[in-house]
């Protein structure tokens, strides 16, 4: 029965991943792209999108990992949801820094 729950969770996460991964820039980021030097605009837009994708991916992976650990450990529904939420927060923080590389870090620092 536990394996069925885990499989159902994996299927649910994979179905939700599509809309979450569709990244677009918010108005603040679009303004940042517009303020950037003309030669850097494409790079700034690319790096902002990569950072956003990294955060979203980290949130999703962290939530799935936390919920999976909670389910495997035999926790109740509340404990499993709490583990999933904690995993989502941790995954977002980790994904935020891992979403971009050093080139993007330099481009974004140059174009604040």
PDB file of N, CA and C in Angstrom:
ATOM      1  N   UNK A   1       0.818  -1.190   0.000  1.00  0.00           N
ATOM      2  CA  UNK A   1       0.000   0.000   0.000  1.00  0.00           C
ATOM      3  C   UNK A   1       0.869   1.264   0.000  1.00  0.00           C
ATOM      4  N   UNK A   2       1.981   1.233   0.748  1.00  0.00           N
ATOM      5  CA  UNK A   2       2.863   2.399   0.771  1.00  0.00           C
ATOM      6  C   UNK A   2       3.447   2.672  -0.608  1.00  0.00           C
ATOM      7  N   UNK A   3       3.791   1.614  -1.316  1.00  0.00           N
ATOM      8  CA  UNK A   3       4.366   1.793  -2.648  1.00  0.00           C
ATOM      9  C   UNK A   3       3.352   2.453  -3.576  1.00  0.00           C
ATOM     10  N   UNK A   4       2.085   2.116  -3.427  1.00  0.00           N
ATOM     11  CA  UNK A   4       1.048   2.736  -4.249  1.00  0.00           C
ATOM     12  C   UNK A   4       0.942   4.223  -3.938  1.00  0.00           C
ATOM     13  N   UNK A   5       1.076   4.596  -2.669  1.00  0.00           N
ATOM     14  CA  UNK A   5       1.036   6.013  -2.298  1.00  0.00           C
ATOM     15  C   UNK A   5       2.216   6.763  -2.901  1.00  0.00           C
ATOM     16  N   UNK A   6       3.375   6.145  -2.834  1.00  0.00           N
ATOM     17  CA  UNK A   6       4.569   6.785  -3.367  1.00  0.00           C
ATOM     18  C   UNK A   6       4.446   6.960  -4.877  1.00  0.00           C
ATOM     19  N   UNK A   7       3.965   5.935  -5.556  1.00  0.00           N
ATOM     20  CA  UNK A   7       3.787   6.025  -7.008  1.00  0.00           C
ATOM     21  C   UNK A   7       2.765   7.097  -7.364  1.00  0.00           C
ATOM     22  N   UNK A   8       1.691   7.193  -6.589  1.00  0.00           N
ATOM     23  CA  UNK A   8       0.676   8.210  -6.843  1.00  0.00           C
ATOM     24  C   UNK A   8       1.253   9.607  -6.630  1.00  0.00           C
ATOM     25  N   UNK A   9       2.101   9.758  -5.614  1.00  0.00           N
ATOM     26  CA  UNK A   9       2.727  11.053  -5.368  1.00  0.00           C
ATOM     27  C   UNK A   9       3.661  11.440  -6.514  1.00  0.00           C
ATOM     28  N   UNK A  10       4.424  10.481  -7.013  1.00  0.00           N
ATOM     29  CA  UNK A  10       5.341  10.760  -8.116  1.00  0.00           C
ATOM     30  C   UNK A  10       4.567  11.171  -9.363  1.00  0.00           C
ATOM     31  N   UNK A  11       3.482  10.486  -9.651  1.00  0.00           N
ATOM     32  CA  UNK A  11       2.662  10.831 -10.813  1.00  0.00           C
ATOM     33  C   UNK A  11       2.069  12.225 -10.646  1.00  0.00           C
ATOM     34  N   UNK A  12       1.582  12.526  -9.448  1.00  0.00           N
ATOM     35  CA  UNK A  12       1.008  13.848  -9.194  1.00  0.00           C
ATOM     36  C   UNK A  12       2.023  14.959  -9.356  1.00  0.00           C
ATOM     37  N   UNK A  13       3.215  14.742  -8.842  1.00  0.00           N
ATOM     38  CA  UNK A  13       4.277  15.748  -8.962  1.00  0.00           C
ATOM     39  C   UNK A  13       4.670  15.939 -10.421  1.00  0.00           C
ATOM     40  N   UNK A  14       4.754  14.869 -11.166  1.00  0.00           N
ATOM     41  CA  UNK A  14       5.144  15.004 -12.574  1.00  0.00           C
ATOM     42  C   UNK A  14       4.081  15.728 -13.388  1.00  0.00           C
ATOM     43  N   UNK A  15       2.826  15.572 -13.020  1.00  0.00           N
ATOM     44  CA  UNK A  15       1.767  16.295 -13.727  1.00  0.00           C
ATOM     45  C   UNK A  15       1.775  17.781 -13.377  1.00  0.00           C
ATOM     46  N   UNK A  16       2.143  18.105 -12.148  1.00  0.00           N
ATOM     47  CA  UNK A  16       2.185  19.501 -11.740  1.00  0.00           C
ATOM     48  C   UNK A  16       3.439  20.200 -12.242  1.00  0.00           C
ATOM     49  N   UNK A  17       4.458  19.464 -12.589  1.00  0.00           N
ATOM     50  CA  UNK A  17       5.739  20.058 -12.956  1.00  0.00           C
ATOM     51  C   UNK A  17       5.649  20.889 -14.233  1.00  0.00           C
ATOM     52  N   UNK A  18       4.808  20.514 -15.169  1.00  0.00           N
ATOM     53  CA  UNK A  18       4.697  21.233 -16.434  1.00  0.00           C
ATOM     54  C   UNK A  18       4.330  22.694 -16.268  1.00  0.00           C
ATOM     55  N   UNK A  19       3.198  23.001 -15.617  1.00  0.00           N
ATOM     56  CA  UNK A  19       2.839  24.411 -15.449  1.00  0.00           C
ATOM     57  C   UNK A  19       3.823  25.181 -14.571  1.00  0.00           C
ATOM     58  N   UNK A  20       4.395  24.529 -13.577  1.00  0.00           N
ATOM     59  CA  UNK A  20       5.325  25.217 -12.686  1.00  0.00           C
ATOM     60  C   UNK A  20       6.576  25.619 -13.436  1.00  0.00           C
ATOM     61  N   UNK A  21       7.037  24.785 -14.333  1.00  0.00           N
ATOM     62  CA  UNK A  21       8.294  25.035 -15.023  1.00  0.00           C
ATOM     63  C   UNK A  21       8.161  26.076 -16.138  1.00  0.00           C
ATOM     64  N   UNK A  22       6.944  26.470 -16.495  1.00  0.00           N
ATOM     65  CA  UNK A  22       6.769  27.490 -17.526  1.00  0.00           C
ATOM     66  C   UNK A  22       7.087  28.850 -16.914  1.00  0.00           C
ATOM     67  N   UNK A  23       8.306  29.315 -17.092  1.00  0.00           N
ATOM     68  CA  UNK A  23       8.769  30.528 -16.433  1.00  0.00           C
ATOM     69  C   UNK A  23       8.567  31.744 -17.323  1.00  0.00           C
ATOM     70  N   UNK A  24       8.148  32.829 -16.704  1.00  0.00           N
ATOM     71  CA  UNK A  24       8.075  34.109 -17.390  1.00  0.00           C
ATOM     72  C   UNK A  24       8.506  35.177 -16.390  1.00  0.00           C
ATOM     73  N   UNK A  25       8.893  36.312 -16.873  1.00  0.00           N
ATOM     74  CA  UNK A  25       9.390  37.371 -16.009  1.00  0.00           C
ATOM     75  C   UNK A  25       8.247  38.225 -15.482  1.00  0.00           C
ATOM     76  N   UNK A  26       8.367  38.655 -14.230  1.00  0.00           N
ATOM     77  CA  UNK A  26       7.374  39.560 -13.668  1.00  0.00           C
ATOM     78  C   UNK A  26       7.729  40.992 -14.062  1.00  0.00           C
ATOM     79  N   UNK A  27       6.923  41.939 -13.660  1.00  0.00           N
ATOM     80  CA  UNK A  27       7.127  43.323 -14.100  1.00  0.00           C
ATOM     81  C   UNK A  27       8.441  43.899 -13.565  1.00  0.00           C
ATOM     82  N   UNK A  28       8.821  43.521 -12.367  1.00  0.00           N
ATOM     83  CA  UNK A  28      10.081  44.013 -11.795  1.00  0.00           C
ATOM     84  C   UNK A  28      11.277  43.525 -12.618  1.00  0.00           C
ATOM     85  N   UNK A  29      11.249  42.246 -13.018  1.00  0.00           N
ATOM     86  CA  UNK A  29      12.338  41.700 -13.819  1.00  0.00           C
ATOM     87  C   UNK A  29      12.344  42.273 -15.232  1.00  0.00           C
ATOM     88  N   UNK A  30      11.152  42.497 -15.797  1.00  0.00           N
ATOM     89  CA  UNK A  30      11.093  43.114 -17.130  1.00  0.00           C
ATOM     90  C   UNK A  30      11.671  44.526 -17.100  1.00  0.00           C
ATOM     91  N   UNK A  31      11.422  45.266 -16.009  1.00  0.00           N
ATOM     92  CA  UNK A  31      11.994  46.599 -15.866  1.00  0.00           C
ATOM     93  C   UNK A  31      13.514  46.517 -15.736  1.00  0.00           C
ATOM     94  N   UNK A  32      13.999  45.497 -15.051  1.00  0.00           N
ATOM     95  CA  UNK A  32      15.451  45.316 -14.915  1.00  0.00           C
ATOM     96  C   UNK A  32      16.090  45.048 -16.265  1.00  0.00           C
ATOM     97  N   UNK A  33      15.420  44.253 -17.094  1.00  0.00           N
ATOM     98  CA  UNK A  33      15.926  43.983 -18.451  1.00  0.00           C
ATOM     99  C   UNK A  33      15.938  45.276 -19.262  1.00  0.00           C
ATOM    100  N   UNK A  34      14.895  46.084 -19.125  1.00  0.00           N
ATOM    101  CA  UNK A  34      14.825  47.335 -19.881  1.00  0.00           C
ATOM    102  C   UNK A  34      15.905  48.319 -19.437  1.00  0.00           C
ATOM    103  N   UNK A  35      16.269  48.316 -18.149  1.00  0.00           N
ATOM    104  CA  UNK A  35      17.312  49.213 -17.630  1.00  0.00           C
ATOM    105  C   UNK A  35      18.718  48.765 -18.007  1.00  0.00           C
ATOM    106  N   UNK A  36      18.867  47.517 -18.353  1.00  0.00           N
ATOM    107  CA  UNK A  36      20.202  46.971 -18.644  1.00  0.00           C
ATOM    108  C   UNK A  36      20.794  47.627 -19.884  1.00  0.00           C
ATOM    109  N   UNK A  37      22.108  47.556 -19.943  1.00  0.00           N
ATOM    110  CA  UNK A  37      22.798  48.066 -21.128  1.00  0.00           C
ATOM    111  C   UNK A  37      22.318  47.287 -22.349  1.00  0.00           C
ATOM    112  N   UNK A  38      22.188  47.963 -23.487  1.00  0.00           N
ATOM    113  CA  UNK A  38      21.659  47.277 -24.674  1.00  0.00           C
ATOM    114  C   UNK A  38      22.404  45.990 -25.043  1.00  0.00           C
ATOM    115  N   UNK A  39      23.723  45.956 -24.847  1.00  0.00           N
ATOM    116  CA  UNK A  39      24.470  44.749 -25.201  1.00  0.00           C
ATOM    117  C   UNK A  39      24.220  43.602 -24.232  1.00  0.00           C
ATOM    118  N   UNK A  40      23.712  43.920 -23.037  1.00  0.00           N
ATOM    119  CA  UNK A  40      23.502  42.895 -22.013  1.00  0.00           C
ATOM    120  C   UNK A  40      22.049  42.461 -21.856  1.00  0.00           C
ATOM    121  N   UNK A  41      21.136  43.064 -22.575  1.00  0.00           N
ATOM    122  CA  UNK A  41      19.710  42.787 -22.341  1.00  0.00           C
ATOM    123  C   UNK A  41      19.347  41.319 -22.525  1.00  0.00           C
ATOM    124  N   UNK A  42      19.838  40.716 -23.580  1.00  0.00           N
ATOM    125  CA  UNK A  42      19.522  39.297 -23.806  1.00  0.00           C
ATOM    126  C   UNK A  42      20.100  38.418 -22.704  1.00  0.00           C
ATOM    127  N   UNK A  43      21.321  38.748 -22.295  1.00  0.00           N
ATOM    128  CA  UNK A  43      21.966  37.960 -21.236  1.00  0.00           C
ATOM    129  C   UNK A  43      21.245  38.119 -19.903  1.00  0.00           C
ATOM    130  N   UNK A  44      20.827  39.360 -19.591  1.00  0.00           N
ATOM    131  CA  UNK A  44      20.109  39.596 -18.336  1.00  0.00           C
ATOM    132  C   UNK A  44      18.795  38.825 -18.331  1.00  0.00           C
ATOM    133  N   UNK A  45      18.088  38.884 -19.443  1.00  0.00           N
ATOM    134  CA  UNK A  45      16.810  38.158 -19.527  1.00  0.00           C
ATOM    135  C   UNK A  45      17.037  36.650 -19.372  1.00  0.00           C
ATOM    136  N   UNK A  46      18.031  36.127 -20.053  1.00  0.00           N
ATOM    137  CA  UNK A  46      18.340  34.699 -19.966  1.00  0.00           C
ATOM    138  C   UNK A  46      18.690  34.302 -18.532  1.00  0.00           C
ATOM    139  N   UNK A  47      19.539  35.094 -17.887  1.00  0.00           N
ATOM    140  CA  UNK A  47      19.984  34.756 -16.531  1.00  0.00           C
ATOM    141  C   UNK A  47      18.840  34.854 -15.533  1.00  0.00           C
ATOM    142  N   UNK A  48      17.977  35.842 -15.685  1.00  0.00           N
ATOM    143  CA  UNK A  48      16.819  35.943 -14.788  1.00  0.00           C
ATOM    144  C   UNK A  48      15.888  34.747 -14.964  1.00  0.00           C
ATOM    145  N   UNK A  49      15.687  34.330 -16.203  1.00  0.00           N
ATOM    146  CA  UNK A  49      14.847  33.152 -16.448  1.00  0.00           C
ATOM    147  C   UNK A  49      15.480  31.887 -15.884  1.00  0.00           C
ATOM    148  N   UNK A  50      16.799  31.754 -16.035  1.00  0.00           N
ATOM    149  CA  UNK A  50      17.481  30.579 -15.493  1.00  0.00           C
ATOM    150  C   UNK A  50      17.374  30.533 -13.970  1.00  0.00           C
ATOM    151  N   UNK A  51      17.530  31.679 -13.325  1.00  0.00           N
ATOM    152  CA  UNK A  51      17.402  31.731 -11.872  1.00  0.00           C
ATOM    153  C   UNK A  51      16.007  31.361 -11.416  1.00  0.00           C
ATOM    154  N   UNK A  52      15.008  31.836 -12.157  1.00  0.00           N
ATOM    155  CA  UNK A  52      13.623  31.525 -11.802  1.00  0.00           C
ATOM    156  C   UNK A  52      13.337  30.040 -12.004  1.00  0.00           C
ATOM    157  N   UNK A  53      13.834  29.480 -13.090  1.00  0.00           N
ATOM    158  CA  UNK A  53      13.650  28.047 -13.326  1.00  0.00           C
ATOM    159  C   UNK A  53      14.324  27.229 -12.236  1.00  0.00           C
ATOM    160  N   UNK A  54      15.512  27.664 -11.811  1.00  0.00           N
ATOM    161  CA  UNK A  54      16.215  26.964 -10.742  1.00  0.00           C
ATOM    162  C   UNK A  54      15.440  26.988  -9.436  1.00  0.00           C
ATOM    163  N   UNK A  55      14.869  28.151  -9.101  1.00  0.00           N
ATOM    164  CA  UNK A  55      14.065  28.255  -7.873  1.00  0.00           C
ATOM    165  C   UNK A  55      12.840  27.364  -7.951  1.00  0.00           C
ATOM    166  N   UNK A  56      12.161  27.410  -9.093  1.00  0.00           N
ATOM    167  CA  UNK A  56      10.947  26.599  -9.243  1.00  0.00           C
ATOM    168  C   UNK A  56      11.265  25.110  -9.194  1.00  0.00           C
ATOM    169  N   UNK A  57      12.314  24.728  -9.875  1.00  0.00           N
ATOM    170  CA  UNK A  57      12.706  23.317  -9.888  1.00  0.00           C
ATOM    171  C   UNK A  57      13.121  22.870  -8.491  1.00  0.00           C
ATOM    172  N   UNK A  58      13.869  23.696  -7.784  1.00  0.00           N
ATOM    173  CA  UNK A  58      14.283  23.371  -6.424  1.00  0.00           C
ATOM    174  C   UNK A  58      13.102  23.226  -5.488  1.00  0.00           C
ATOM    175  N   UNK A  59      12.112  24.103  -5.643  1.00  0.00           N
ATOM    176  CA  UNK A  59      10.908  24.025  -4.812  1.00  0.00           C
ATOM    177  C   UNK A  59      10.178  22.718  -5.057  1.00  0.00           C
ATOM    178  N   UNK A  60      10.030  22.361  -6.303  1.00  0.00           N
ATOM    179  CA  UNK A  60       9.317  21.136  -6.658  1.00  0.00           C
ATOM    180  C   UNK A  60      10.056  19.895  -6.175  1.00  0.00           C
ATOM    181  N   UNK A  61      11.341  19.842  -6.394  1.00  0.00           N
ATOM    182  CA  UNK A  61      12.131  18.682  -5.974  1.00  0.00           C
ATOM    183  C   UNK A  61      12.165  18.588  -4.454  1.00  0.00           C
ATOM    184  N   UNK A  62      12.320  19.722  -3.775  1.00  0.00           N
ATOM    185  CA  UNK A  62      12.342  19.720  -2.320  1.00  0.00           C
ATOM    186  C   UNK A  62      11.021  19.271  -1.720  1.00  0.00           C
ATOM    187  N   UNK A  63       9.914  19.741  -2.297  1.00  0.00           N
ATOM    188  CA  UNK A  63       8.602  19.339  -1.796  1.00  0.00           C
ATOM    189  C   UNK A  63       8.370  17.851  -2.003  1.00  0.00           C
ATOM    190  N   UNK A  64       8.722  17.362  -3.175  1.00  0.00           N
ATOM    191  CA  UNK A  64       8.533  15.928  -3.444  1.00  0.00           C
ATOM    192  C   UNK A  64       9.434  15.088  -2.542  1.00  0.00           C
ATOM    193  N   UNK A  65      10.668  15.524  -2.366  1.00  0.00           N
ATOM    194  CA  UNK A  65      11.594  14.790  -1.506  1.00  0.00           C
ATOM    195  C   UNK A  65      11.141  14.784  -0.059  1.00  0.00           C
ATOM    196  N   UNK A  66      10.714  15.934   0.443  1.00  0.00           N
ATOM    197  CA  UNK A  66      10.240  16.012   1.819  1.00  0.00           C
ATOM    198  C   UNK A  66       9.002  15.182   2.052  1.00  0.00           C
ATOM    199  N   UNK A  67       8.054  15.248   1.117  1.00  0.00           N
ATOM    200  CA  UNK A  67       6.840  14.443   1.247  1.00  0.00           C
ATOM    201  C   UNK A  67       7.160  12.959   1.130  1.00  0.00           C
ATOM    202  N   UNK A  68       8.083  12.615   0.250  1.00  0.00           N
ATOM    203  CA  UNK A  68       8.473  11.205   0.110  1.00  0.00           C
ATOM    204  C   UNK A  68       9.108  10.672   1.373  1.00  0.00           C
ATOM    205  N   UNK A  69       9.985  11.459   1.973  1.00  0.00           N
ATOM    206  CA  UNK A  69      10.620  11.032   3.222  1.00  0.00           C
ATOM    207  C   UNK A  69       9.583  10.911   4.326  1.00  0.00           C
ATOM    208  N   UNK A  70       8.655  11.859   4.368  1.00  0.00           N
ATOM    209  CA  UNK A  70       7.594  11.790   5.373  1.00  0.00           C
ATOM    210  C   UNK A  70       6.718  10.562   5.202  1.00  0.00           C
ATOM    211  N   UNK A  71       6.418  10.208   3.965  1.00  0.00           N
ATOM    212  CA  UNK A  71       5.578   9.030   3.710  1.00  0.00           C
ATOM    213  C   UNK A  71       6.336   7.745   4.015  1.00  0.00           C
ATOM    214  N   UNK A  72       7.601   7.681   3.636  1.00  0.00           N
ATOM    215  CA  UNK A  72       8.393   6.475   3.883  1.00  0.00           C
ATOM    216  C   UNK A  72       8.627   6.280   5.380  1.00  0.00           C
ATOM    217  N   UNK A  73       8.800   7.389   6.095  1.00  0.00           N
ATOM    218  CA  UNK A  73       9.037   7.294   7.540  1.00  0.00           C
ATOM    219  C   UNK A  73       7.787   6.869   8.297  1.00  0.00           C
ATOM    220  N   UNK A  74       6.666   6.820   7.620  1.00  0.00           N
ATOM    221  CA  UNK A  74       5.441   6.353   8.260  1.00  0.00           C
ATOM    222  C   UNK A  74       4.704   7.436   9.008  1.00  0.00           C
ATOM    223  N   UNK A  75       4.916   8.685   8.648  1.00  0.00           N
ATOM    224  CA  UNK A  75       4.251   9.793   9.317  1.00  0.00           C
ATOM    225  C   UNK A  75       2.795   9.893   8.902  1.00  0.00           C
ATOM    226  N   UNK A  76       2.039  10.603   9.716  1.00  0.00           N
ATOM    227  CA  UNK A  76       0.639  10.848   9.384  1.00  0.00           C
ATOM    228  C   UNK A  76       0.572  11.850   8.239  1.00  0.00           C
ATOM    229  N   UNK A  77      -0.630  12.158   7.806  1.00  0.00           N
ATOM    230  CA  UNK A  77      -0.802  13.088   6.690  1.00  0.00           C
ATOM    231  C   UNK A  77      -0.239  14.460   7.045  1.00  0.00           C
ATOM    232  N   UNK A  78      -0.502  14.925   8.248  1.00  0.00           N
ATOM    233  CA  UNK A  78      -0.004  16.232   8.668  1.00  0.00           C
ATOM    234  C   UNK A  78       1.508  16.284   8.704  1.00  0.00           C
ATOM    235  N   UNK A  79       2.119  15.237   9.216  1.00  0.00           N
ATOM    236  CA  UNK A  79       3.580  15.195   9.276  1.00  0.00           C
ATOM    237  C   UNK A  79       4.181  15.146   7.881  1.00  0.00           C
ATOM    238  N   UNK A  80       3.541  14.410   7.002  1.00  0.00           N
ATOM    239  CA  UNK A  80       4.023  14.323   5.620  1.00  0.00           C
ATOM    240  C   UNK A  80       3.910  15.675   4.926  1.00  0.00           C
ATOM    241  N   UNK A  81       2.791  16.385   5.139  1.00  0.00           N
ATOM    242  CA  UNK A  81       2.633  17.713   4.541  1.00  0.00           C
ATOM    243  C   UNK A  81       3.650  18.697   5.111  1.00  0.00           C
ATOM    244  N   UNK A  82       3.907  18.595   6.399  1.00  0.00           N
ATOM    245  CA  UNK A  82       4.898  19.471   7.020  1.00  0.00           C
ATOM    246  C   UNK A  82       6.298  19.194   6.463  1.00  0.00           C
ATOM    247  N   UNK A  83       6.630  17.935   6.278  1.00  0.00           N
ATOM    248  CA  UNK A  83       7.923  17.577   5.694  1.00  0.00           C
ATOM    249  C   UNK A  83       8.018  18.080   4.256  1.00  0.00           C
ATOM    250  N   UNK A  84       6.912  17.983   3.516  1.00  0.00           N
ATOM    251  CA  UNK A  84       6.899  18.498   2.144  1.00  0.00           C
ATOM    252  C   UNK A  84       7.099  20.003   2.092  1.00  0.00           C
ATOM    253  N   UNK A  85       6.465  20.730   3.021  1.00  0.00           N
ATOM    254  CA  UNK A  85       6.610  22.186   3.068  1.00  0.00           C
ATOM    255  C   UNK A  85       8.046  22.572   3.433  1.00  0.00           C
ATOM    256  N   UNK A  86       8.610  21.885   4.405  1.00  0.00           N
ATOM    257  CA  UNK A  86       9.993  22.174   4.788  1.00  0.00           C
ATOM    258  C   UNK A  86      10.947  21.870   3.632  1.00  0.00           C
ATOM    259  N   UNK A  87      10.690  20.788   2.923  1.00  0.00           N
ATOM    260  CA  UNK A  87      11.517  20.450   1.765  1.00  0.00           C
ATOM    261  C   UNK A  87      11.392  21.479   0.653  1.00  0.00           C
ATOM    262  N   UNK A  88      10.178  22.022   0.471  1.00  0.00           N
ATOM    263  CA  UNK A  88       9.967  23.036  -0.561  1.00  0.00           C
ATOM    264  C   UNK A  88      10.749  24.306  -0.250  1.00  0.00           C
ATOM    265  N   UNK A  89      10.736  24.713   1.021  1.00  0.00           N
ATOM    266  CA  UNK A  89      11.483  25.917   1.409  1.00  0.00           C
ATOM    267  C   UNK A  89      12.982  25.699   1.215  1.00  0.00           C
ATOM    268  N   UNK A  90      13.467  24.569   1.671  1.00  0.00           N
ATOM    269  CA  UNK A  90      14.890  24.272   1.526  1.00  0.00           C
ATOM    270  C   UNK A  90      15.274  24.174   0.047  1.00  0.00           C
ATOM    271  N   UNK A  91      14.447  23.516  -0.742  1.00  0.00           N
ATOM    272  CA  UNK A  91      14.730  23.380  -2.174  1.00  0.00           C
ATOM    273  C   UNK A  91      14.740  24.709  -2.890  1.00  0.00           C
ATOM    274  N   UNK A  92      13.861  25.629  -2.485  1.00  0.00           N
ATOM    275  CA  UNK A  92      13.820  26.951  -3.114  1.00  0.00           C
ATOM    276  C   UNK A  92      15.099  27.730  -2.815  1.00  0.00           C
ATOM    277  N   UNK A  93      15.558  27.665  -1.571  1.00  0.00           N
ATOM    278  CA  UNK A  93      16.776  28.375  -1.192  1.00  0.00           C
ATOM    279  C   UNK A  93      17.981  27.804  -1.940  1.00  0.00           C
ATOM    280  N   UNK A  94      18.052  26.483  -2.002  1.00  0.00           N
ATOM    281  CA  UNK A  94      19.170  25.850  -2.703  1.00  0.00           C
ATOM    282  C   UNK A  94      19.090  26.115  -4.207  1.00  0.00           C
ATOM    283  N   UNK A  95      17.892  25.985  -4.774  1.00  0.00           N
ATOM    284  CA  UNK A  95      17.718  26.198  -6.207  1.00  0.00           C
ATOM    285  C   UNK A  95      17.977  27.624  -6.640  1.00  0.00           C
ATOM    286  N   UNK A  96      17.747  28.580  -5.737  1.00  0.00           N
ATOM    287  CA  UNK A  96      17.975  29.984  -6.054  1.00  0.00           C
ATOM    288  C   UNK A  96      19.452  30.246  -6.342  1.00  0.00           C
ATOM    289  N   UNK A  97      20.324  29.636  -5.567  1.00  0.00           N
ATOM    290  CA  UNK A  97      21.752  29.868  -5.780  1.00  0.00           C
ATOM    291  C   UNK A  97      22.325  28.959  -6.860  1.00  0.00           C
ATOM    292  N   UNK A  98      21.731  27.810  -7.060  1.00  0.00           N
ATOM    293  CA  UNK A  98      22.264  26.865  -8.036  1.00  0.00           C
ATOM    294  C   UNK A  98      21.677  27.051  -9.433  1.00  0.00           C
ATOM    295  N   UNK A  99      20.705  27.952  -9.588  1.00  0.00           N
ATOM    296  CA  UNK A  99      20.044  28.132 -10.873  1.00  0.00           C
ATOM    297  C   UNK A  99      20.884  28.836 -11.911  1.00  0.00           C
ATOM    298  N   UNK A 100      21.876  29.603 -11.461  1.00  0.00           N
ATOM    299  CA  UNK A 100      22.707  30.359 -12.399  1.00  0.00           C
ATOM    300  C   UNK A 100      24.171  29.993 -12.204  1.00  0.00           C
ATOM    301  N   UNK A 101      24.970  30.329 -13.202  1.00  0.00           N
ATOM    302  CA  UNK A 101      26.403  30.063 -13.117  1.00  0.00           C
ATOM    303  C   UNK A 101      27.159  31.371 -12.867  1.00  0.00           C
ATOM    304  N   UNK A 102      28.463  31.309 -12.838  1.00  0.00           N
ATOM    305  CA  UNK A 102      29.262  32.495 -12.516  1.00  0.00           C
ATOM    306  C   UNK A 102      29.143  33.583 -13.582  1.00  0.00           C
ATOM    307  N   UNK A 103      28.945  33.189 -14.833  1.00  0.00           N
ATOM    308  CA  UNK A 103      28.781  34.186 -15.902  1.00  0.00           C
ATOM    309  C   UNK A 103      27.504  34.981 -15.670  1.00  0.00           C
ATOM    310  N   UNK A 104      26.429  34.275 -15.338  1.00  0.00           N
ATOM    311  CA  UNK A 104      25.165  34.960 -15.061  1.00  0.00           C
ATOM    312  C   UNK A 104      25.280  35.826 -13.817  1.00  0.00           C
ATOM    313  N   UNK A 105      26.003  35.353 -12.819  1.00  0.00           N
ATOM    314  CA  UNK A 105      26.184  36.151 -11.609  1.00  0.00           C
ATOM    315  C   UNK A 105      26.876  37.482 -11.926  1.00  0.00           C
ATOM    316  N   UNK A 106      27.872  37.434 -12.804  1.00  0.00           N
ATOM    317  CA  UNK A 106      28.582  38.658 -13.188  1.00  0.00           C
ATOM    318  C   UNK A 106      27.681  39.584 -14.006  1.00  0.00           C
ATOM    319  N   UNK A 107      26.912  39.025 -14.931  1.00  0.00           N
ATOM    320  CA  UNK A 107      26.017  39.839 -15.758  1.00  0.00           C
ATOM    321  C   UNK A 107      24.963  40.513 -14.897  1.00  0.00           C
ATOM    322  N   UNK A 108      24.381  39.765 -13.957  1.00  0.00           N
ATOM    323  CA  UNK A 108      23.340  40.331 -13.105  1.00  0.00           C
ATOM    324  C   UNK A 108      23.927  41.361 -12.133  1.00  0.00           C
ATOM    325  N   UNK A 109      25.138  41.151 -11.653  1.00  0.00           N
ATOM    326  CA  UNK A 109      25.770  42.126 -10.764  1.00  0.00           C
ATOM    327  C   UNK A 109      26.094  43.406 -11.507  1.00  0.00           C
ATOM    328  N   UNK A 110      26.456  43.283 -12.763  1.00  0.00           N
ATOM    329  CA  UNK A 110      26.793  44.442 -13.586  1.00  0.00           C
ATOM    330  C   UNK A 110      25.553  45.254 -13.932  1.00  0.00           C
ATOM    331  N   UNK A 111      24.398  44.610 -13.980  1.00  0.00           N
ATOM    332  CA  UNK A 111      23.143  45.253 -14.398  1.00  0.00           C
ATOM    333  C   UNK A 111      22.112  45.183 -13.276  1.00  0.00           C
ATOM    334  N   UNK A 112      22.332  45.870 -12.220  1.00  0.00           N
ATOM    335  CA  UNK A 112      21.402  45.874 -11.081  1.00  0.00           C
ATOM    336  C   UNK A 112      20.179  46.660 -11.384  1.00  0.00           C
TER     337      UNK A 112
END
